[in-house]
Amino acid sequence: MAASQGSDIAVKVLTEPAPPMVERYEFGAFQLNVACRQLLKDGMPVVVTPKVFDTLVFLIRHADRVVSKEELTGRLWPDSFVSEGSLTQNISLLRVALSDRSDHPQFIATVARRGYRFVAAVTHVPAAAPVEADASTAKVQGIREVSIVKRSATSPFRSWAWRTSAVGAVSLAIGIVVGSGLGRDPNEDRSVVDTPLQFTLTPPDGLTMTEAGVMSPAGQHVAFVARKDDSGQTTIWLRPLASTEYRVIAGTEGASGASWAPNSRAIGFFSGGNLKALDLADHSLQTLAAIGPPPASASWGAGGTILFAGRTTGLFAVPAQGGPATEVTVLDLEHESAHQWPQFLPDGKRFLFHVASDDPQVAGTYVGSLGSRDRTRVFPGSGVYAAPGYLLHTRGQALAAQAFDLVTLRLTGEALTVIANLSAGQPAPAPTVVSASGTVSLALSTGGNARQLTWFSATGQTLGTITTPIALRSPALLMGDKYVLATAGGQDRSGLWLVDLETGAANRVATSGSTPTPSPDGRRFAFVLSKASAATDIYVKSLDGSGQEELVLKTPEFKYLDHWSPDGRYVTYVTRTRNNYDVWLLPTFGDRKPLPFLHTAYNELLTQVSPNGRWAAYTSDKSGTWEVYVRRFPDGNQEHAVSVAGGWEPHWNREGTTLFYLAASRWLMAVDVTPGNEWRSGKPQPLFQTFISEGPGMARSQYAVAADGQRFLINTPSRNNIREPTTVMVNWTALIGR
């Protein structure tokens, strides 16, 4: 079967392959099946790269002597010139896979100035029967074996510009590459089987991916959370790598934060304020723990523990069989803003996680351990572990891999480029490694961050966009909707910007800071800024950009602004204690001593004071999920629930007769309010579906309401970036160092 025109690969179908020769060895706790290219430890698979596997086989076959470095290099790279460093790294990765040490070798000894020797006792296991294909891989398209044959000596993956139109052929090829347990001739050309492949997840019509895909530990499926465009309902979807078909997982309605069980047979997720697990075989659903509003991410370890990360908290753990959540890591409130993206290491006890901080000496990837508060910083950026011993990370548009020693918890050697340019010459946000399944496959988030402030009518019709070269977020309208004050990211254009909505002219009013809040008269704005420490302090500055900012509140906590009250007397802001958000009032008169407004055992944030100054609407998780409430202002009495079945980020119209908020489904809702001393409101009414993907947070303002209450400026994915793209790469290790 030939490849499509213009492709550099062809797919060859072999319907009657010869039975593979059986060559099996045992040494220590390991079992090696050469024909199936399978390494086991006590019956459990050990994931290694093809080159590492070939290194082990060659050393075992010649265990009676020292194998020189030249001989080993010539065997592994027969048609290429490679440095001795490549061989050294290969040996290092093999030792990691075998839990071996160079100073006290059990398996591989270094013979000075000569080479290497396999020193463990090896048993050659007699052949009992011909090796059969693994059942899970034999089902792929009903074909016994498929090999991918290169047509050109120049690999199209070196520039990563390759894209295929032969989707079916590539899916078939991926299925066989992933199903690497198929028996083969051990002398088969490895270039045939180790060809790297890639594809981009494209969910079915009517769905928007809200989270990047997550690879199964077995490397054969990718799971992702998607939201229906019409109803806003989220569910988890599966895509086998060997197929182009997607299927929804029933029972995952309202899901977020998908994570795989170590055996790839169950999926954990957050829904309805709970952590849940669904068995993919019998479809049984178990509620493991009540955890409140959904955390940002989770990891399921081999030791039977699920770690999850709040959006601005430390990490928590829940037994995979169910039980209460316990705190695992504690934030340093003076220097850290969050612990994020936990990932268990193979032993199921230690884990990687990312520390978010404005201090570059603090931020980075750390190793923690269950039962201990000790942690070790291993990398200044964010990274993902991939067996048998890599830390994957991105540098601009490049994907890099560096050897990571699980014994010393140190990076060794140089970071090797896997792909030099993931965007293939097209503008794109920096990619993020999401998950990896050993040497087989990994998932990359290759976009999805591009946003644009877009005007919508009350019926959801697009009215226009704010067209500036600056990526703006957290909008605040002022001066009769003539201007928008917003935050911008990026190294060259970061800071706070004031945009004239009539002319489009943009003026940077502060070079750094966040959560800008304009004064009612439009002359000044308050914002938070971190200077001498990681904590944020409150400043006030003139909106014309003149003069220096004035420090008005300095305390040790992280602070983010919500609203400047319409009478100008108070600025509402949020602080974070150890694990909770609280709302404070900063008076603009008298001694300006902060006053507590909402201090409870729950989280409260995103406060907006009504135009008449009598009520404050806010978001709280006291019910176990985010909901919108109101209280009298400024005394904080008489709490009233507003939202139904989830809600966050309230905003008022100019008259105070309508309160808007975002539902859990991301629909924009409207509630009629009768102004007065007593609270009277109607039933929430849906207006239209938004495409906001982010949830509530201390520093997030996703939309602003025009004075007439009929137009809405919403932080919306750009037209070409509605979905969160995920690129899946198969046999990614074949690209290392090319």
Foldseek 3Di string as FASTA:
>chain_A
DAAPPPDQKGKDFDFDDDQADWWWKDFDQWIATLQLLFIDGVRHTQFDAPLLSVLVVVQVVPQVDFDFLVNSCCVSCVPDDDDSVVVVVSVVQNCLSVVADAVHGQAWYADPPGHIHGDTDMDTDDDDDGDAFDPVLCPQVVGLDMWMDGPDPDAPQQQPLDDGPPVLSQLQLLSRLLSSSRGDHSVPDVVRNLRKDKDWDDDDPQKFFLDFWAAQLSRFKIKTWIAGAAFLWIFIKIDGSNDNDIDTQPPGTQWDAWEAANVRQKIWTDHPQFIKIAGNPPRDIDTAERHFAGAHYWYHFPVQKIWTWHPFAAIWITGNVHDYIDGFEFDPQLFFRTKADWYDDNVRFKIKIFTHGPDLVPTAIWIDGGPDHDIGGAGSHDWAAAPPAWTWFFDFQWIWIFGARPVVRYTDDDIWTLHDGNVSPDDAGHKGWRYYNHLFKTKIQTHQPQWWWWKAFLQGHTDGTLDDPFRWFDWDAADQRQWIWTATDDDPQGAIWIAGPVPSDIDHLTRYFAQWEAALVRQKIKTWDDDPTRAIFIWMDGPVSDDDIHGDGDDSWHKGWAYQANVRQWTWMWTDDRHEIFIWIQGPDDPRDIGGQGDDPWHKANWDAANVRFKIWIWIRPVSYIFIWMATPPNNDDIDGADDQAWGRWDAAQVRQWIWIAGSSRFIWIWGWDDDNDTDIDHIDTRRHALDSDDDDRRHDAWYARNVRGMITGTHHDPVNSHRMMMMMTSSVVSTND
